[in-house]
């Protein structure tokens, strides 16, 4: 089952803000995109906005089609 599609949109940031997010992302071992999403979720949670937990990306090798694992 594929995860739900993600919404892409352009985001214009002040270069100093982008640099700060890059540093924060590197410290948390995340991409800048994942860090922005995490920061937005934290900010919304502080405001009392409830969101479903994010669907984690599937990792590893996809299952083989039509083959038993026995």
C-alpha atoms as a PDB file:
ATOM      1  CA  UNK A   1       0.000   0.000   0.000  1.00  0.00           C
ATOM      2  CA  UNK A   2       1.486   3.338  -1.053  1.00  0.00           C
ATOM      3  CA  UNK A   3       1.626   6.214   1.437  1.00  0.00           C
ATOM      4  CA  UNK A   4      -0.676   9.142   0.736  1.00  0.00           C
ATOM      5  CA  UNK A   5       0.722  11.686  -1.735  1.00  0.00           C
ATOM      6  CA  UNK A   6       2.570  14.660  -0.319  1.00  0.00           C
ATOM      7  CA  UNK A   7       1.810  18.246  -1.269  1.00  0.00           C
ATOM      8  CA  UNK A   8       4.722  20.103  -2.868  1.00  0.00           C
ATOM      9  CA  UNK A   9       4.899  23.894  -2.962  1.00  0.00           C
ATOM     10  CA  UNK A  10       7.616  26.549  -3.294  1.00  0.00           C
ATOM     11  CA  UNK A  11       8.745  28.194  -0.077  1.00  0.00           C
ATOM     12  CA  UNK A  12      10.697  31.438   0.000  1.00  0.00           C
ATOM     13  CA  UNK A  13      12.896  31.858   3.057  1.00  0.00           C
ATOM     14  CA  UNK A  14      15.322  34.452   4.274  1.00  0.00           C
ATOM     15  CA  UNK A  15      18.839  33.027   3.696  1.00  0.00           C
ATOM     16  CA  UNK A  16      19.716  33.348   7.391  1.00  0.00           C
ATOM     17  CA  UNK A  17      16.574  31.390   8.358  1.00  0.00           C
ATOM     18  CA  UNK A  18      17.382  28.693   5.797  1.00  0.00           C
ATOM     19  CA  UNK A  19      20.939  28.419   7.136  1.00  0.00           C
ATOM     20  CA  UNK A  20      19.612  28.054  10.689  1.00  0.00           C
ATOM     21  CA  UNK A  21      17.197  25.321   9.585  1.00  0.00           C
ATOM     22  CA  UNK A  22      20.046  23.546   7.757  1.00  0.00           C
ATOM     23  CA  UNK A  23      22.168  23.579  10.935  1.00  0.00           C
ATOM     24  CA  UNK A  24      19.250  22.332  13.019  1.00  0.00           C
ATOM     25  CA  UNK A  25      18.483  19.586  10.473  1.00  0.00           C
ATOM     26  CA  UNK A  26      22.113  18.445  10.436  1.00  0.00           C
ATOM     27  CA  UNK A  27      22.096  18.234  14.235  1.00  0.00           C
ATOM     28  CA  UNK A  28      18.961  16.066  14.131  1.00  0.00           C
ATOM     29  CA  UNK A  29      20.208  13.988  11.146  1.00  0.00           C
ATOM     30  CA  UNK A  30      17.261  15.121   8.989  1.00  0.00           C
ATOM     31  CA  UNK A  31      16.879  16.736   5.604  1.00  0.00           C
ATOM     32  CA  UNK A  32      15.916  20.400   5.508  1.00  0.00           C
ATOM     33  CA  UNK A  33      12.496  19.376   4.196  1.00  0.00           C
ATOM     34  CA  UNK A  34      11.941  16.914   7.060  1.00  0.00           C
ATOM     35  CA  UNK A  35      13.142  19.519   9.571  1.00  0.00           C
ATOM     36  CA  UNK A  36      10.701  22.142   8.258  1.00  0.00           C
ATOM     37  CA  UNK A  37       7.871  19.607   8.487  1.00  0.00           C
ATOM     38  CA  UNK A  38       8.897  18.660  12.034  1.00  0.00           C
ATOM     39  CA  UNK A  39       9.080  22.315  13.119  1.00  0.00           C
ATOM     40  CA  UNK A  40       5.658  23.025  11.618  1.00  0.00           C
ATOM     41  CA  UNK A  41       4.146  20.012  13.399  1.00  0.00           C
ATOM     42  CA  UNK A  42       5.688  21.135  16.717  1.00  0.00           C
ATOM     43  CA  UNK A  43       4.385  24.679  16.252  1.00  0.00           C
ATOM     44  CA  UNK A  44       0.876  23.424  15.449  1.00  0.00           C
ATOM     45  CA  UNK A  45       0.929  21.081  18.463  1.00  0.00           C
ATOM     46  CA  UNK A  46       1.835  24.030  20.729  1.00  0.00           C
ATOM     47  CA  UNK A  47      -1.221  25.849  19.350  1.00  0.00           C
ATOM     48  CA  UNK A  48      -3.422  22.856  20.105  1.00  0.00           C
ATOM     49  CA  UNK A  49      -3.902  21.709  16.514  1.00  0.00           C
ATOM     50  CA  UNK A  50      -4.214  17.932  16.428  1.00  0.00           C
ATOM     51  CA  UNK A  51      -2.716  16.045  13.477  1.00  0.00           C
ATOM     52  CA  UNK A  52      -2.487  12.366  12.677  1.00  0.00           C
ATOM     53  CA  UNK A  53       0.976  10.900  13.131  1.00  0.00           C
ATOM     54  CA  UNK A  54       3.005  11.102   9.929  1.00  0.00           C
ATOM     55  CA  UNK A  55       3.155   7.941   7.841  1.00  0.00           C
ATOM     56  CA  UNK A  56       6.776   6.775   7.963  1.00  0.00           C
ATOM     57  CA  UNK A  57       8.478   6.060   4.664  1.00  0.00           C
ATOM     58  CA  UNK A  58       8.841   2.396   3.799  1.00  0.00           C
ATOM     59  CA  UNK A  59      12.438   1.330   4.052  1.00  0.00           C
ATOM     60  CA  UNK A  60      14.315  -1.612   2.666  1.00  0.00           C
ATOM     61  CA  UNK A  61      13.836  -3.803  -0.315  1.00  0.00           C
ATOM     62  CA  UNK A  62      10.325  -4.131  -1.749  1.00  0.00           C
ATOM     63  CA  UNK A  63       8.705  -7.575  -1.500  1.00  0.00           C
ATOM     64  CA  UNK A  64       9.175  -9.917  -4.437  1.00  0.00           C
ATOM     65  CA  UNK A  65       6.118 -10.394  -6.632  1.00  0.00           C
ATOM     66  CA  UNK A  66       4.625 -13.896  -6.623  1.00  0.00           C
ATOM     67  CA  UNK A  67       7.435 -15.534  -4.642  1.00  0.00           C
ATOM     68  CA  UNK A  68       7.014 -17.247  -1.274  1.00  0.00           C
ATOM     69  CA  UNK A  69       9.505 -16.416   1.461  1.00  0.00           C
ATOM     70  CA  UNK A  70       9.544 -20.060   2.656  1.00  0.00           C
END
